[in-house]
Amino acid sequence: MAIPIPIIDGVMNLGNALIERLWPNPAEADKAKLELMRMHQEGELQKLTSSASIVLAEAQSEHWLTANWRPLTMMVFTVIIANNYIIYPYLSLFWTDAPVLELPQVMWDTFKIGLGGYVVGRSGEKMVKLWKA
């Protein structure tokens, strides 16, 4: 899926504006802008924008499962973590065979990436609203 150039330009403009606000040191800001430009030139921004548009299309889908599979997956991970670190310690005091659910490292990594994506996405939405105002 080709990303229209105005979208990439908008991402670049937003990125530069954020860098200017978040990096008070001009040398560090210039270094961050060069990294953003490198990402743009190597097509990384287009890949990120494309991935974001896929997630957005899924979230706006009319089909319930398509729109909610990512949040449901995150909820399953949350339930497993809550079981292992909140419920299980208390149950094990009274029940020696209380269930512990395995959570392999790859699932932890997926959970961290997903949680980070939600946090960054919400922060980005708020920044865009402020920036437009």
Protein backbone atom coordinates (compact mmCIF):
# COMPACT_ATOMS: atom_id res chain seq x y z
CA MET A 1 0.00 0.00 0.00
CA ALA A 2 1.57 3.30 -1.08
CA ILE A 3 1.39 6.11 1.44
CA PRO A 4 0.56 9.52 -0.08
CA ILE A 5 3.42 12.01 0.21
CA PRO A 6 1.33 14.62 2.12
CA ILE A 7 0.90 12.11 4.96
CA ILE A 8 4.66 11.51 5.14
CA ASP A 9 5.25 15.28 4.99
CA GLY A 10 2.78 15.70 7.84
CA VAL A 11 4.61 13.07 9.88
CA MET A 12 7.91 14.84 9.18
CA ASN A 13 6.46 18.22 10.19
CA LEU A 14 4.94 16.79 13.36
CA GLY A 15 8.19 14.97 14.16
CA ASN A 16 10.26 18.13 13.73
CA ALA A 17 7.83 20.15 15.86
CA LEU A 18 7.94 17.53 18.60
CA ILE A 19 11.74 17.38 18.47
CA GLU A 20 11.97 21.16 18.87
CA ARG A 21 9.72 21.01 21.94
CA LEU A 22 11.20 17.90 23.55
CA TRP A 23 14.93 18.56 22.98
CA PRO A 24 15.88 21.93 24.46
CA ASN A 25 19.55 21.42 23.54
CA PRO A 26 19.92 22.56 19.89
CA ALA A 27 22.72 20.06 19.19
CA GLU A 28 20.61 17.14 20.44
CA ALA A 29 17.58 18.43 18.53
CA ASP A 30 19.63 18.59 15.33
CA LYS A 31 20.85 15.04 15.92
CA ALA A 32 17.25 13.84 16.42
CA LYS A 33 16.13 15.67 13.26
CA LEU A 34 18.92 13.99 11.29
CA GLU A 35 17.75 10.61 12.58
CA LEU A 36 14.17 11.45 11.55
CA MET A 37 15.42 12.46 8.09
CA ARG A 38 17.42 9.22 7.83
CA MET A 39 14.30 7.25 8.71
CA HIS A 40 12.39 9.15 6.04
CA GLN A 41 15.03 8.57 3.37
CA GLU A 42 15.35 4.86 4.13
CA GLY A 43 11.59 4.36 4.01
CA GLU A 44 11.19 3.56 7.70
CA LEU A 45 8.64 6.35 8.19
CA GLN A 46 6.56 5.03 5.31
CA LYS A 47 6.62 1.54 6.87
CA LEU A 48 5.58 2.93 10.26
CA THR A 49 2.85 5.04 8.68
CA SER A 50 1.65 2.04 6.70
CA SER A 51 1.52 -0.11 9.84
CA ALA A 52 -0.38 2.61 11.67
CA SER A 53 -2.90 2.89 8.83
CA ILE A 54 -3.50 -0.88 8.98
CA VAL A 55 -4.18 -0.73 12.71
CA LEU A 56 -6.46 2.28 12.19
CA ALA A 57 -8.38 0.47 9.43
CA GLU A 58 -8.83 -2.55 11.70
CA ALA A 59 -10.03 -0.37 14.57
CA GLN A 60 -12.58 1.34 12.32
CA SER A 61 -13.83 -1.93 10.81
CA GLU A 62 -17.54 -2.70 10.89
CA HIS A 63 -16.75 -6.29 11.89
CA TRP A 64 -16.57 -6.67 15.65
CA LEU A 65 -13.76 -9.24 15.69
CA THR A 66 -11.60 -7.33 13.21
CA ALA A 67 -11.96 -4.15 15.25
CA ASN A 68 -11.29 -5.79 18.60
CA TRP A 69 -8.79 -8.62 18.15
CA ARG A 70 -5.80 -6.54 19.28
CA PRO A 71 -7.46 -5.25 22.46
CA LEU A 72 -8.77 -8.76 23.20
CA THR A 73 -5.27 -10.18 22.86
CA MET A 74 -3.94 -7.56 25.26
CA MET A 75 -6.74 -8.38 27.72
CA VAL A 76 -5.82 -12.09 27.65
CA PHE A 77 -2.20 -11.19 28.42
CA THR A 78 -3.41 -8.91 31.23
CA VAL A 79 -5.53 -11.70 32.73
CA ILE A 80 -2.55 -14.10 32.66
CA ILE A 81 -0.31 -11.53 34.32
CA ALA A 82 -2.96 -10.69 36.93
CA ASN A 83 -3.38 -14.40 37.67
CA ASN A 84 0.33 -15.03 38.08
CA TYR A 85 1.21 -11.95 40.12
CA ILE A 86 -1.98 -11.03 42.00
CA ILE A 87 -4.39 -13.98 42.22
CA TYR A 88 -1.95 -16.91 42.39
CA PRO A 89 0.10 -15.63 45.37
CA TYR A 90 -3.06 -15.39 47.49
CA LEU A 91 -4.58 -18.64 46.26
CA SER A 92 -1.35 -20.52 46.90
CA LEU A 93 -1.62 -19.66 50.60
CA PHE A 94 -4.71 -21.86 50.84
CA TRP A 95 -4.51 -24.11 47.78
CA THR A 96 -1.24 -25.87 46.99
CA ASP A 97 -2.31 -26.73 43.44
CA ALA A 98 -3.41 -23.19 42.49
CA PRO A 99 -2.96 -22.71 38.74
CA VAL A 100 -0.08 -20.68 37.36
CA LEU A 101 -0.29 -19.84 33.67
CA GLU A 102 2.89 -19.90 31.63
CA LEU A 103 3.81 -16.65 29.91
CA PRO A 104 6.81 -17.23 27.60
CA GLN A 105 9.25 -14.40 26.93
CA VAL A 106 7.86 -13.82 23.44
CA MET A 107 4.41 -13.16 24.96
CA TRP A 108 5.94 -10.71 27.46
CA ASP A 109 7.65 -8.93 24.58
CA THR A 110 4.38 -8.78 22.63
CA PHE A 111 2.59 -7.43 25.69
CA LYS A 112 5.25 -4.72 26.22
CA ILE A 113 5.13 -3.69 22.56
CA GLY A 114 1.33 -3.65 22.58
CA LEU A 115 1.15 -1.66 25.79
CA GLY A 116 3.77 0.75 24.49
CA GLY A 117 1.79 1.14 21.28
CA TYR A 118 -1.37 2.02 23.18
CA VAL A 119 0.46 4.51 25.40
CA VAL A 120 2.25 6.15 22.47
CA GLY A 121 -0.94 6.13 20.39
CA ARG A 122 -2.98 7.85 23.09
CA SER A 123 -0.18 10.35 23.73
CA GLY A 124 0.07 11.01 20.01
CA GLU A 125 -3.67 11.63 19.76
CA LYS A 126 -3.48 14.15 22.59
CA MET A 127 -0.43 15.89 21.08
CA VAL A 128 -2.09 16.16 17.67
CA LYS A 129 -5.19 17.73 19.26
CA LEU A 130 -3.01 20.25 21.10
CA TRP A 131 -0.94 20.90 17.98
CA LYS A 132 -4.05 21.54 15.87
CA ALA A 133 -5.37 23.96 18.50
